[in-house]
Amino acid sequence: MKVAVVDIKGKETGRKADLSDAVFAIEPNNHAVYLDVKQYLANQRQGTHKAKERAEISGSTRKIKKQKGTGTARAGSIKSGVFKGGGRMFGPRPRNYSFKLNKGLKRLARRSALSLKANDKAITVVEDFNFETPKTKDFINVLKALGLENKKSLIVLGESNNNVYLSSRNLKSTEVVTSSELSTYKIMNANNVVLLEGSLEGIETNLAK
């Protein structure tokens, strides 16, 4: 797949990037994408939720009424969950929500996500660039030139670049990652994926079968 390479001013450079069909043009596996996104979101959960059950709250353990003859349901203690101020029945307890996925499935999910973006023509290839100093205004100018200032975008670098990362950090709608940090969730969560030329080799190497 050939994609035109543009500069940070949004103008074509006259060169074309060759995107591997094995990564950007496969038949997407929607279930693999679902599982990988589900795992990513599950891993973000702290799992520290906790509600007090009847054994953990303060209150008398005296039987509040006789067992039979009242015409109402039997009740053992005021701490029962059926009473106001009682413990919660089957409340949440701390737990770990993470689960395992095979590496092959995760690679398939990322290839599927990139192929979906390629089908939607939501992938832009930009020649490598850098800023002399971290400056949010410079980064916004790049987004405007690419027509992405009002879109949720994911910028993929070939290697860590502190100036570019710090320039984007204040922008809620933009995220900068390296090719090794690319995830299915981040790809699917973005309206447009911007790949720097230097990231292509790393992406294809990481996602090769």
C-alpha atoms as a PDB file:
ATOM      1  CA  MET A   1       0.000   0.000   0.000  1.00  0.00           C
ATOM      2  CA  LYS A   2       1.446   3.343  -1.077  1.00  0.00           C
ATOM      3  CA  VAL A   3       0.704   6.475   0.961  1.00  0.00           C
ATOM      4  CA  ALA A   4       1.926   9.975   0.163  1.00  0.00           C
ATOM      5  CA  VAL A   5       4.388  11.426   2.671  1.00  0.00           C
ATOM      6  CA  VAL A   6       3.671  15.002   3.783  1.00  0.00           C
ATOM      7  CA  ASP A   7       5.742  17.503   5.746  1.00  0.00           C
ATOM      8  CA  ILE A   8       4.723  19.327   8.927  1.00  0.00           C
ATOM      9  CA  LYS A   9       3.121  22.043   6.797  1.00  0.00           C
ATOM     10  CA  GLY A  10       0.757  19.493   5.249  1.00  0.00           C
ATOM     11  CA  LYS A  11       2.376  19.649   1.802  1.00  0.00           C
ATOM     12  CA  GLU A  12       3.304  16.530  -0.142  1.00  0.00           C
ATOM     13  CA  THR A  13       7.008  15.824  -0.296  1.00  0.00           C
ATOM     14  CA  GLY A  14       6.761  13.929  -3.574  1.00  0.00           C
ATOM     15  CA  ARG A  15       7.678  10.680  -1.843  1.00  0.00           C
ATOM     16  CA  LYS A  16       5.445   7.726  -1.014  1.00  0.00           C
ATOM     17  CA  ALA A  17       5.694   5.396   1.949  1.00  0.00           C
ATOM     18  CA  ASP A  18       5.200   1.692   1.349  1.00  0.00           C
ATOM     19  CA  LEU A  19       2.910   0.363   4.080  1.00  0.00           C
ATOM     20  CA  SER A  20       3.093  -3.399   4.490  1.00  0.00           C
ATOM     21  CA  ASP A  21      -0.073  -5.202   3.403  1.00  0.00           C
ATOM     22  CA  ALA A  22       0.585  -7.744   6.168  1.00  0.00           C
ATOM     23  CA  VAL A  23       0.056  -4.994   8.751  1.00  0.00           C
ATOM     24  CA  PHE A  24      -2.150  -2.349   7.133  1.00  0.00           C
ATOM     25  CA  ALA A  25      -4.283  -4.337   4.711  1.00  0.00           C
ATOM     26  CA  ILE A  26      -5.411  -7.537   6.397  1.00  0.00           C
ATOM     27  CA  GLU A  27      -8.980  -8.734   6.908  1.00  0.00           C
ATOM     28  CA  PRO A  28      -9.731  -7.196  10.322  1.00  0.00           C
ATOM     29  CA  ASN A  29     -10.526  -9.590  13.152  1.00  0.00           C
ATOM     30  CA  ASN A  30     -13.128  -7.662  15.152  1.00  0.00           C
ATOM     31  CA  HIS A  31     -13.173 -10.126  18.032  1.00  0.00           C
ATOM     32  CA  ALA A  32      -9.411  -9.832  18.520  1.00  0.00           C
ATOM     33  CA  VAL A  33      -9.788  -6.037  18.595  1.00  0.00           C
ATOM     34  CA  TYR A  34     -12.595  -6.364  21.167  1.00  0.00           C
ATOM     35  CA  LEU A  35     -10.548  -8.632  23.435  1.00  0.00           C
ATOM     36  CA  ASP A  36      -7.445  -6.440  23.315  1.00  0.00           C
ATOM     37  CA  VAL A  37      -9.426  -3.262  24.048  1.00  0.00           C
ATOM     38  CA  LYS A  38     -11.258  -5.065  26.859  1.00  0.00           C
ATOM     39  CA  GLN A  39      -7.947  -6.154  28.399  1.00  0.00           C
ATOM     40  CA  TYR A  40      -6.504  -2.631  28.156  1.00  0.00           C
ATOM     41  CA  LEU A  41      -9.521  -1.120  29.931  1.00  0.00           C
ATOM     42  CA  ALA A  42      -9.584  -3.900  32.529  1.00  0.00           C
ATOM     43  CA  ASN A  43      -5.934  -3.254  33.334  1.00  0.00           C
ATOM     44  CA  GLN A  44      -6.753   0.402  34.064  1.00  0.00           C
ATOM     45  CA  ARG A  45      -9.159  -0.557  36.853  1.00  0.00           C
ATOM     46  CA  GLN A  46      -7.761  -0.252  40.368  1.00  0.00           C
ATOM     47  CA  GLY A  47     -10.164  -2.817  41.771  1.00  0.00           C
ATOM     48  CA  THR A  48     -10.062  -1.167  45.213  1.00  0.00           C
ATOM     49  CA  HIS A  49     -13.858  -0.881  45.575  1.00  0.00           C
ATOM     50  CA  LYS A  50     -15.193  -2.148  48.873  1.00  0.00           C
ATOM     51  CA  ALA A  51     -18.554  -2.102  50.694  1.00  0.00           C
ATOM     52  CA  LYS A  52     -19.050  -3.139  54.305  1.00  0.00           C
ATOM     53  CA  GLU A  53     -21.007  -6.310  54.873  1.00  0.00           C
ATOM     54  CA  ARG A  54     -23.035  -7.144  57.977  1.00  0.00           C
ATOM     55  CA  ALA A  55     -20.047  -8.557  59.855  1.00  0.00           C
ATOM     56  CA  GLU A  56     -18.081  -5.314  59.383  1.00  0.00           C
ATOM     57  CA  ILE A  57     -20.501  -2.626  60.583  1.00  0.00           C
ATOM     58  CA  SER A  58     -21.258  -1.414  64.100  1.00  0.00           C
ATOM     59  CA  GLY A  59     -24.515  -2.534  65.633  1.00  0.00           C
ATOM     60  CA  SER A  60     -26.144  -4.921  68.028  1.00  0.00           C
ATOM     61  CA  THR A  61     -26.275  -8.616  67.273  1.00  0.00           C
ATOM     62  CA  ARG A  62     -29.387  -9.076  69.423  1.00  0.00           C
ATOM     63  CA  LYS A  63     -32.239 -10.853  67.728  1.00  0.00           C
ATOM     64  CA  ILE A  64     -34.682  -7.972  67.220  1.00  0.00           C
ATOM     65  CA  LYS A  65     -37.914  -9.974  67.404  1.00  0.00           C
ATOM     66  CA  LYS A  66     -39.103 -13.468  68.019  1.00  0.00           C
ATOM     67  CA  GLN A  67     -38.746 -16.014  65.246  1.00  0.00           C
ATOM     68  CA  LYS A  68     -42.427 -16.856  64.798  1.00  0.00           C
ATOM     69  CA  GLY A  69     -45.833 -15.365  65.283  1.00  0.00           C
ATOM     70  CA  THR A  70     -45.227 -11.785  64.125  1.00  0.00           C
ATOM     71  CA  GLY A  71     -46.671 -12.257  60.655  1.00  0.00           C
ATOM     72  CA  THR A  72     -43.540 -10.792  59.087  1.00  0.00           C
ATOM     73  CA  ALA A  73     -40.259 -12.188  57.878  1.00  0.00           C
ATOM     74  CA  ARG A  74     -37.861 -13.550  60.449  1.00  0.00           C
ATOM     75  CA  ALA A  75     -34.925 -11.276  61.323  1.00  0.00           C
ATOM     76  CA  GLY A  76     -31.779 -12.074  63.235  1.00  0.00           C
ATOM     77  CA  SER A  77     -29.993  -8.738  63.652  1.00  0.00           C
ATOM     78  CA  ILE A  78     -30.363  -5.045  62.970  1.00  0.00           C
ATOM     79  CA  LYS A  79     -27.178  -5.338  60.900  1.00  0.00           C
ATOM     80  CA  SER A  80     -29.035  -7.341  58.258  1.00  0.00           C
ATOM     81  CA  GLY A  81     -28.858  -5.878  54.769  1.00  0.00           C
ATOM     82  CA  VAL A  82     -32.649  -5.565  54.565  1.00  0.00           C
ATOM     83  CA  PHE A  83     -32.633  -2.804  57.191  1.00  0.00           C
ATOM     84  CA  LYS A  84     -31.546   0.797  56.843  1.00  0.00           C
ATOM     85  CA  GLY A  85     -27.991   1.125  58.115  1.00  0.00           C
ATOM     86  CA  GLY A  86     -27.368  -2.583  57.722  1.00  0.00           C
ATOM     87  CA  GLY A  87     -24.516  -4.159  55.854  1.00  0.00           C
ATOM     88  CA  ARG A  88     -24.619  -4.469  52.093  1.00  0.00           C
ATOM     89  CA  MET A  89     -25.430  -7.907  50.778  1.00  0.00           C
ATOM     90  CA  PHE A  90     -22.936  -9.291  48.238  1.00  0.00           C
ATOM     91  CA  GLY A  91     -21.195  -5.923  47.978  1.00  0.00           C
ATOM     92  CA  PRO A  92     -18.041  -5.340  45.891  1.00  0.00           C
ATOM     93  CA  ARG A  93     -14.724  -6.561  47.245  1.00  0.00           C
ATOM     94  CA  PRO A  94     -11.175  -5.675  46.134  1.00  0.00           C
ATOM     95  CA  ARG A  95     -10.182  -7.744  43.109  1.00  0.00           C
ATOM     96  CA  ASN A  96      -7.820  -7.810  40.166  1.00  0.00           C
ATOM     97  CA  TYR A  97      -9.610  -7.321  36.832  1.00  0.00           C
ATOM     98  CA  SER A  98      -6.639  -8.087  34.581  1.00  0.00           C
ATOM     99  CA  PHE A  99      -6.580 -11.170  32.382  1.00  0.00           C
ATOM    100  CA  LYS A 100      -4.111 -12.763  29.992  1.00  0.00           C
ATOM    101  CA  LEU A 101      -4.093 -12.650  26.198  1.00  0.00           C
ATOM    102  CA  ASN A 102      -1.674 -14.434  23.920  1.00  0.00           C
ATOM    103  CA  LYS A 103       0.951 -12.286  22.178  1.00  0.00           C
ATOM    104  CA  GLY A 104      -0.152 -13.552  18.777  1.00  0.00           C
ATOM    105  CA  LEU A 105      -3.730 -12.421  19.380  1.00  0.00           C
ATOM    106  CA  LYS A 106      -2.562  -8.992  20.560  1.00  0.00           C
ATOM    107  CA  ARG A 107      -0.450  -8.551  17.427  1.00  0.00           C
ATOM    108  CA  LEU A 108      -3.425  -9.608  15.298  1.00  0.00           C
ATOM    109  CA  ALA A 109      -5.595  -7.055  17.116  1.00  0.00           C
ATOM    110  CA  ARG A 110      -3.141  -4.215  16.421  1.00  0.00           C
ATOM    111  CA  ARG A 111      -2.829  -5.206  12.770  1.00  0.00           C
ATOM    112  CA  SER A 112      -6.623  -5.313  12.535  1.00  0.00           C
ATOM    113  CA  ALA A 113      -6.944  -1.871  14.138  1.00  0.00           C
ATOM    114  CA  LEU A 114      -4.389  -0.350  11.746  1.00  0.00           C
ATOM    115  CA  SER A 115      -6.130  -2.007   8.787  1.00  0.00           C
ATOM    116  CA  LEU A 116      -9.458  -0.544   9.895  1.00  0.00           C
ATOM    117  CA  LYS A 117      -7.894   2.924  10.048  1.00  0.00           C
ATOM    118  CA  ALA A 118      -6.290   2.411   6.642  1.00  0.00           C
ATOM    119  CA  ASN A 119      -9.662   1.363   5.177  1.00  0.00           C
ATOM    120  CA  ASP A 120     -11.166   4.564   6.586  1.00  0.00           C
ATOM    121  CA  LYS A 121      -8.264   6.603   5.130  1.00  0.00           C
ATOM    122  CA  ALA A 122      -7.500   7.773   8.652  1.00  0.00           C
ATOM    123  CA  ILE A 123      -3.741   7.195   8.467  1.00  0.00           C
ATOM    124  CA  THR A 124      -1.352  10.027   7.612  1.00  0.00           C
ATOM    125  CA  VAL A 125       2.378   9.559   7.051  1.00  0.00           C
ATOM    126  CA  VAL A 126       4.527  12.560   7.978  1.00  0.00           C
ATOM    127  CA  GLU A 127       8.251  12.977   7.514  1.00  0.00           C
ATOM    128  CA  ASP A 128      10.257  12.964  10.752  1.00  0.00           C
ATOM    129  CA  PHE A 129      10.370  16.285  12.561  1.00  0.00           C
ATOM    130  CA  ASN A 130      11.608  17.804  15.809  1.00  0.00           C
ATOM    131  CA  PHE A 131      11.257  21.045  17.767  1.00  0.00           C
ATOM    132  CA  GLU A 132      14.181  23.079  19.087  1.00  0.00           C
ATOM    133  CA  THR A 133      12.381  23.522  22.401  1.00  0.00           C
ATOM    134  CA  PRO A 134       9.109  22.116  23.817  1.00  0.00           C
ATOM    135  CA  LYS A 135       6.377  24.502  22.682  1.00  0.00           C
ATOM    136  CA  THR A 136       2.679  23.671  22.547  1.00  0.00           C
ATOM    137  CA  LYS A 137       2.031  26.404  19.965  1.00  0.00           C
ATOM    138  CA  ASP A 138       4.422  24.754  17.493  1.00  0.00           C
ATOM    139  CA  PHE A 139       2.651  21.424  17.924  1.00  0.00           C
ATOM    140  CA  ILE A 140      -0.760  23.043  17.396  1.00  0.00           C
ATOM    141  CA  ASN A 141       0.521  24.588  14.166  1.00  0.00           C
ATOM    142  CA  VAL A 142       1.491  21.118  12.930  1.00  0.00           C
ATOM    143  CA  LEU A 143      -1.981  19.778  13.754  1.00  0.00           C
ATOM    144  CA  LYS A 144      -3.613  22.694  11.939  1.00  0.00           C
ATOM    145  CA  ALA A 145      -1.452  22.108   8.858  1.00  0.00           C
ATOM    146  CA  LEU A 146      -2.531  18.454   8.847  1.00  0.00           C
ATOM    147  CA  GLY A 147      -6.193  19.366   9.394  1.00  0.00           C
ATOM    148  CA  LEU A 148      -6.303  17.615  12.769  1.00  0.00           C
ATOM    149  CA  GLU A 149      -6.734  20.492  15.219  1.00  0.00           C
ATOM    150  CA  ASN A 150     -10.346  19.476  15.975  1.00  0.00           C
ATOM    151  CA  LYS A 151      -9.834  15.713  15.819  1.00  0.00           C
ATOM    152  CA  LYS A 152      -8.667  13.172  18.333  1.00  0.00           C
ATOM    153  CA  SER A 153      -5.291  12.106  16.966  1.00  0.00           C
ATOM    154  CA  LEU A 154      -2.519   9.645  17.783  1.00  0.00           C
ATOM    155  CA  ILE A 155       1.042  10.602  16.812  1.00  0.00           C
ATOM    156  CA  VAL A 156       3.430   7.650  16.487  1.00  0.00           C
ATOM    157  CA  LEU A 157       7.160   8.351  16.740  1.00  0.00           C
ATOM    158  CA  GLY A 158       9.982   6.049  15.734  1.00  0.00           C
ATOM    159  CA  GLU A 159      11.820   6.684  18.997  1.00  0.00           C
ATOM    160  CA  SER A 160      11.321   8.768  22.103  1.00  0.00           C
ATOM    161  CA  ASN A 161      11.440  12.524  21.431  1.00  0.00           C
ATOM    162  CA  ASN A 162      11.128  14.621  24.560  1.00  0.00           C
ATOM    163  CA  ASN A 163      10.534  17.948  22.791  1.00  0.00           C
ATOM    164  CA  VAL A 164       7.646  16.596  20.708  1.00  0.00           C
ATOM    165  CA  TYR A 165       6.133  14.762  23.668  1.00  0.00           C
ATOM    166  CA  LEU A 166       6.280  17.770  25.995  1.00  0.00           C
ATOM    167  CA  SER A 167       4.843  20.021  23.266  1.00  0.00           C
ATOM    168  CA  SER A 168       1.754  17.806  23.042  1.00  0.00           C
ATOM    169  CA  ARG A 169       1.258  17.060  26.726  1.00  0.00           C
ATOM    170  CA  ASN A 170      -1.223  19.894  27.360  1.00  0.00           C
ATOM    171  CA  LEU A 171      -3.514  18.855  24.497  1.00  0.00           C
ATOM    172  CA  LYS A 172      -6.312  16.549  25.640  1.00  0.00           C
ATOM    173  CA  SER A 173      -7.246  15.439  22.126  1.00  0.00           C
ATOM    174  CA  THR A 174      -3.729  14.382  21.086  1.00  0.00           C
ATOM    175  CA  GLU A 175      -1.463  11.618  22.327  1.00  0.00           C
ATOM    176  CA  VAL A 176       2.153  10.962  21.349  1.00  0.00           C
ATOM    177  CA  VAL A 177       3.586   7.432  21.611  1.00  0.00           C
ATOM    178  CA  THR A 178       6.501   5.501  20.150  1.00  0.00           C
ATOM    179  CA  SER A 179       6.025   2.528  17.846  1.00  0.00           C
ATOM    180  CA  SER A 180       6.769   0.144  20.737  1.00  0.00           C
ATOM    181  CA  GLU A 181       4.016   1.740  22.875  1.00  0.00           C
ATOM    182  CA  LEU A 182       1.309   1.357  20.243  1.00  0.00           C
ATOM    183  CA  SER A 183      -1.832  -0.371  21.507  1.00  0.00           C
ATOM    184  CA  THR A 184      -5.128  -1.418  19.954  1.00  0.00           C
ATOM    185  CA  TYR A 185      -7.086   0.829  22.319  1.00  0.00           C
ATOM    186  CA  LYS A 186      -5.071   3.920  21.425  1.00  0.00           C
ATOM    187  CA  ILE A 187      -5.422   3.225  17.696  1.00  0.00           C
ATOM    188  CA  MET A 188      -9.190   2.716  17.898  1.00  0.00           C
ATOM    189  CA  ASN A 189      -9.680   5.657  20.264  1.00  0.00           C
ATOM    190  CA  ALA A 190      -8.158   8.114  17.758  1.00  0.00           C
ATOM    191  CA  ASN A 191      -9.962   9.658  14.792  1.00  0.00           C
ATOM    192  CA  ASN A 192      -6.704   9.851  12.874  1.00  0.00           C
ATOM    193  CA  VAL A 193      -3.361   8.077  13.244  1.00  0.00           C
ATOM    194  CA  VAL A 194      -0.271  10.059  12.237  1.00  0.00           C
ATOM    195  CA  LEU A 195       2.761   7.875  11.535  1.00  0.00           C
ATOM    196  CA  LEU A 196       6.178   9.462  11.321  1.00  0.00           C
ATOM    197  CA  GLU A 197       8.378   7.864   8.677  1.00  0.00           C
ATOM    198  CA  GLY A 198      10.804   6.672  11.321  1.00  0.00           C
ATOM    199  CA  SER A 199       8.074   4.651  13.037  1.00  0.00           C
ATOM    200  CA  LEU A 200       7.106   2.487  10.047  1.00  0.00           C
ATOM    201  CA  GLU A 201       9.974   0.027  10.305  1.00  0.00           C
ATOM    202  CA  GLY A 202       9.423  -0.465  14.037  1.00  0.00           C
ATOM    203  CA  ILE A 203       5.670  -0.989  13.611  1.00  0.00           C
ATOM    204  CA  GLU A 204       6.120  -3.577  10.887  1.00  0.00           C
ATOM    205  CA  THR A 205       8.846  -5.365  12.868  1.00  0.00           C
ATOM    206  CA  ASN A 206       6.810  -5.448  16.081  1.00  0.00           C
ATOM    207  CA  LEU A 207       3.633  -6.648  14.403  1.00  0.00           C
ATOM    208  CA  ALA A 208       5.141  -9.199  12.033  1.00  0.00           C
ATOM    209  CA  LYS A 209       3.664 -12.653  12.339  1.00  0.00           C
END
